[in-house]
Each structure stands twice: as structure tokens, then as C-alpha cells.
Protein backbone atom coordinates (compact mmCIF):
# COMPACT_ATOMS: atom_id res chain seq x y z
CA MET A 1 -10.05 -23.54 -1.63
CA ASN A 2 -11.95 -20.45 -0.55
CA GLN A 3 -9.38 -18.31 1.22
CA LEU A 4 -12.09 -15.90 2.35
CA ASP A 5 -13.18 -18.45 4.95
CA LEU A 6 -9.84 -17.96 6.69
CA PHE A 7 -10.54 -14.39 7.73
CA GLN A 8 -12.12 -13.30 10.97
CA THR A 9 -12.68 -9.75 12.21
CA ARG A 10 -9.93 -8.95 14.69
CA GLU A 11 -9.20 -6.08 17.02
CA LEU A 12 -5.48 -6.32 17.68
CA PRO A 13 -3.52 -3.54 19.38
CA GLY A 14 -1.44 -1.32 17.14
CA ALA A 15 0.61 1.10 19.23
CA LYS A 16 0.43 4.65 17.89
CA LYS A 17 3.84 6.12 17.08
CA ILE A 18 3.87 9.93 17.25
CA ILE A 19 6.60 11.53 15.16
CA GLN A 20 7.28 15.11 14.10
CA ASN A 21 4.41 16.21 11.83
CA GLY A 22 2.78 12.83 11.68
CA GLU A 23 1.85 9.52 13.24
CA TYR A 24 1.52 5.88 12.32
CA ARG A 25 0.40 2.52 13.71
CA PHE A 26 1.96 -0.80 12.81
CA TRP A 27 0.76 -4.40 13.06
CA PRO A 28 3.70 -6.69 12.12
CA SER A 29 1.48 -9.75 11.61
CA LEU A 30 -2.17 -8.76 11.36
CA PHE A 31 -2.81 -11.68 9.00
CA THR A 32 -1.59 -15.19 9.75
CA PRO A 33 0.96 -16.92 7.49
CA GLN A 34 -1.81 -19.18 6.16
CA GLU A 35 -4.06 -16.22 5.36
CA SER A 36 -1.21 -14.29 3.79
CA LYS A 37 -0.10 -17.18 1.58
CA ALA A 38 -3.65 -17.69 0.29
CA MET A 39 -4.14 -14.00 -0.36
CA LEU A 40 -0.78 -13.59 -2.12
CA GLU A 41 -1.68 -16.41 -4.50
CA ALA A 42 -5.19 -15.09 -5.14
CA LEU A 43 -4.10 -11.51 -5.79
CA ASN A 44 -1.17 -12.56 -7.96
CA ASN A 45 -3.45 -14.62 -10.20
CA ARG A 46 -6.69 -12.62 -10.25
CA ILE A 47 -5.67 -8.96 -10.25
CA ASP A 48 -5.40 -7.22 -13.64
CA TRP A 49 -1.75 -6.21 -13.31
CA LYS A 50 -0.18 -3.69 -15.68
CA GLN A 51 3.22 -2.05 -16.05
CA GLU A 52 2.44 1.66 -16.39
CA ASN A 53 4.64 4.28 -18.06
CA MET A 54 5.54 7.79 -16.96
CA GLN A 55 7.26 10.71 -18.64
CA MET A 56 10.65 11.64 -17.20
CA TYR A 57 13.13 14.05 -18.79
CA GLY A 58 11.26 13.82 -22.08
CA LYS A 59 11.41 10.04 -22.16
CA GLU A 60 8.79 7.38 -21.48
CA ILE A 61 9.93 5.26 -18.55
CA LYS A 62 8.30 2.03 -17.36
CA PHE A 63 7.40 1.82 -13.67
CA PRO A 64 9.80 -0.63 -11.92
CA ARG A 65 6.83 -2.66 -10.61
CA LEU A 66 3.35 -3.75 -11.68
CA THR A 67 0.30 -1.80 -10.54
CA ALA A 68 -3.50 -1.97 -10.45
CA TRP A 69 -6.27 0.37 -9.24
CA TYR A 70 -9.50 -1.03 -7.79
CA GLY A 71 -12.47 0.53 -6.03
CA ASN A 72 -15.70 2.43 -6.46
CA GLN A 73 -16.35 3.11 -10.13
CA ASP A 74 -16.62 6.90 -9.73
CA LYS A 75 -13.17 7.23 -8.10
CA PRO A 76 -10.29 7.51 -10.64
CA TYR A 77 -6.82 8.37 -9.30
CA SER A 78 -4.11 10.56 -10.82
CA PHE A 79 -0.41 10.44 -9.93
CA SER A 80 2.96 10.68 -11.74
CA GLY A 81 1.23 12.11 -14.80
CA ILE A 82 -1.16 9.20 -15.28
CA THR A 83 -4.84 8.67 -14.43
CA LEU A 84 -6.08 5.22 -13.44
CA GLN A 85 -9.69 4.15 -13.87
CA PRO A 86 -10.80 1.69 -11.18
CA HIS A 87 -11.55 -1.97 -11.73
CA PRO A 88 -14.51 -3.28 -9.69
CA TRP A 89 -13.81 -4.58 -6.21
CA THR A 90 -12.95 -8.28 -6.04
CA SER A 91 -14.14 -10.53 -3.23
CA GLU A 92 -10.59 -10.79 -1.87
CA LEU A 93 -10.12 -7.02 -1.75
CA LEU A 94 -13.47 -6.53 -0.03
CA GLU A 95 -12.52 -9.12 2.59
CA ILE A 96 -9.21 -7.39 3.36
CA LYS A 97 -11.05 -4.07 3.46
CA LYS A 98 -13.51 -5.50 6.01
CA VAL A 99 -10.64 -6.57 8.28
CA ILE A 100 -8.72 -3.28 8.28
CA GLU A 101 -11.52 -0.69 8.35
CA PRO A 102 -12.39 -1.17 12.06
CA LEU A 103 -8.72 -0.63 12.92
CA ALA A 104 -8.36 2.44 10.70
CA GLY A 105 -11.71 3.99 11.58
CA VAL A 106 -12.17 4.78 7.88
CA GLN A 107 -14.41 3.34 5.16
CA PHE A 108 -12.02 3.13 2.21
CA ASN A 109 -13.37 3.46 -1.34
CA SER A 110 -10.22 2.66 -3.36
CA VAL A 111 -7.01 0.66 -3.27
CA LEU A 112 -3.74 0.91 -5.21
CA LEU A 113 -1.94 -2.41 -5.59
CA ASN A 114 1.77 -2.77 -6.34
CA LEU A 115 3.45 -6.04 -7.26
CA TYR A 116 7.19 -6.09 -6.55
CA ARG A 117 8.44 -9.07 -8.55
CA ASP A 118 11.95 -9.15 -7.04
CA GLY A 119 14.54 -6.89 -5.40
CA ASN A 120 14.95 -4.84 -8.58
CA ASP A 121 11.36 -3.56 -8.34
CA SER A 122 10.95 -0.42 -6.28
CA ILE A 123 9.13 2.86 -5.73
CA SER A 124 11.04 6.13 -5.34
CA TRP A 125 10.54 8.95 -2.82
CA HIS A 126 7.04 10.42 -2.96
CA THR A 127 4.06 11.46 -0.83
CA ASP A 128 0.45 10.35 -1.05
CA ALA A 129 -0.84 13.91 -0.85
CA GLU A 130 -2.81 14.25 -4.10
CA LYS A 131 -5.77 16.61 -3.91
CA GLU A 132 -8.21 13.70 -4.26
CA LEU A 133 -7.07 12.42 -0.84
CA GLY A 134 -7.88 15.63 1.06
CA LEU A 135 -6.31 16.95 4.26
CA ASN A 136 -4.44 14.52 6.52
CA PRO A 137 -5.41 11.33 4.67
CA VAL A 138 -5.36 7.93 6.36
CA ILE A 139 -3.48 5.41 4.20
CA ALA A 140 -3.64 1.71 5.11
CA SER A 141 -0.72 -0.30 3.72
CA VAL A 142 -1.22 -4.10 3.70
CA ASN A 143 1.61 -6.45 2.69
CA PHE A 144 1.70 -10.06 1.50
CA GLY A 145 4.77 -12.00 0.42
CA ASP A 146 8.44 -11.26 0.98
CA SER A 147 9.46 -8.47 3.35
CA ARG A 148 10.78 -5.13 2.07
CA THR A 149 12.19 -2.09 3.85
CA PHE A 150 9.80 0.87 3.85
CA GLN A 151 11.55 4.21 4.41
CA LEU A 152 10.07 7.47 5.67
CA ARG A 153 11.97 10.76 5.24
CA HIS A 154 10.94 14.16 6.62
CA LYS A 155 10.81 16.70 3.81
CA TYR A 156 12.59 19.41 5.83
CA THR A 157 14.61 17.86 8.66
CA LYS A 158 15.61 14.81 6.51
CA GLU A 159 15.06 12.53 9.52
CA ARG A 160 14.60 8.95 8.28
CA ILE A 161 12.66 6.03 9.72
CA ASP A 162 12.96 2.48 8.36
CA ILE A 163 10.15 -0.05 8.89
CA GLU A 164 10.40 -3.66 7.78
CA LEU A 165 7.05 -4.51 6.18
CA GLY A 166 6.71 -8.26 6.45
CA ASN A 167 4.21 -10.86 5.32
CA GLY A 168 0.72 -10.11 6.65
CA SER A 169 1.59 -6.70 8.12
CA LEU A 170 -0.52 -3.54 8.26
CA LEU A 171 0.89 -0.01 8.45
CA LEU A 172 -1.56 2.86 9.05
CA MET A 173 -0.19 6.29 8.13
CA GLU A 174 -2.17 9.09 9.77
CA GLY A 175 -2.21 12.75 10.81
CA GLU A 176 -0.04 15.20 8.87
CA LEU A 177 2.38 12.49 7.76
CA GLN A 178 1.61 12.63 4.01
CA HIS A 179 2.15 16.40 3.94
CA TYR A 180 5.56 16.32 5.67
CA TRP A 181 7.08 12.89 5.06
CA GLN A 182 8.09 11.21 1.82
CA HIS A 183 8.31 7.43 1.59
CA GLN A 184 9.90 4.86 -0.67
CA VAL A 185 10.69 1.16 -1.10
CA PRO A 186 14.25 1.10 -2.49
CA LYS A 187 15.83 -1.54 -4.68
CA THR A 188 17.83 -4.22 -2.90
CA LYS A 189 20.57 -6.62 -3.98
CA LYS A 190 19.14 -9.25 -1.65
CA ASN A 191 17.38 -12.20 -3.27
CA LYS A 192 13.69 -11.30 -2.90
CA SER A 193 10.60 -13.24 -3.91
CA PRO A 194 7.36 -11.48 -4.96
CA ARG A 195 5.61 -9.07 -2.63
CA ILE A 196 2.18 -7.46 -3.06
CA ASN A 197 1.46 -4.16 -1.33
CA LEU A 198 -2.05 -2.72 -1.10
CA THR A 199 -2.60 0.91 -0.07
CA PHE A 200 -6.24 1.54 0.79
CA ARG A 201 -7.39 5.14 0.40
CA LEU A 202 -10.44 7.36 0.73
CA ILE A 203 -10.79 9.40 -2.45
CA LYS A 204 -12.85 12.54 -1.79
């Protein structure tokens, strides 16, 4: 089966949500269940997943999820004390990229993939504000598989916004958001099946 044949360019409305020091747009089901199932299977099997390590309090700690970095070959990415060298684009990633770029108004050159194997996998509070991303970066977050709660928290007012990122959804984070809001996907005691999140970025 060639899942790429399932995709068609679409221009669906994504209402812009203006918040203090930022904005975002959300498509709860940009991709159909059939498309999402095919893409989840393809990415799970064909991406070169790795469990990275980071230094914390003098100890080497494993990331509580699997990650992979893909994109243009001259665009490495550094975060949490590690530097990732990109794997070449796959046909599946290029097809997703083709769908979301008209909605984002950005030609992305890189994508960070995270595989959350179950409810114990997570990512803690952080911002995507590394210098490689420049001022007011647009981050496109695509989700396949089980739903997880995505939390935004203002760095100064501590206001919090929860968004349920479901199968086939797209979240576009725009404006000043990365400079003023942290985000996380917390652990959950609920029984969760695998979820793959892709955050497309423009590395300067």
C-alpha cells in the first residue's frame, strides 16, 4: 500500500487564537483517520528512532521518549545539551510537509519527531526558542496515534492552556509564543497507545 496516494492538498479553516504574547491555530482533524493510521504505521517502522541522553544534576538521563531529526543536510539542531545531525527527508515526511506548508505560510527545512510509546513517555516544560529558529518562529505540530494533552504555560503570568492533540491534528504556534510560553506533554496514568508527534521548523 502506498499511503502517499491518500493525501490531497487541502485548505481547511484554522481559527487563529490570539493569547497574551502569542497566537496559535488548531486543526483537530486535518488528516483523516485512514491517512493518520497509514502514516503512523509508516513512521513507526521507517524512521530511525533513538533514545537520546541528557546531562542532569551530573547524571546521564535517558529521554522519556524516542526522537529523530530529519531535514536538509546542512541544518543540525541543538537542544538540551545535545546536537542532532539530520537524516535525509523520507517520502512520507515530504508529503506531510507539502500538506501543511500552505496552511503555515512557511517552507520548513527540518522536523523533530517524538515517539511517545505509552503514557509514561513525556516531555517536560520547555520553549522552542533556540537561536537557530530566529525571532518569532512558526512551529507546526502534527500528531498521529493516540491523543495526549498538550499544555501551554506563560512564563510570567503562569496562565495555562490545555489542548488535546488528537489523531491527525495540526497545531501551528506563531507570533511571540515561543518567547513567552513554555509547553509540555505530561505523563499520564491513563492507558495510552503509541503517538508520534512531528514539529516542523525553519532553521535559519
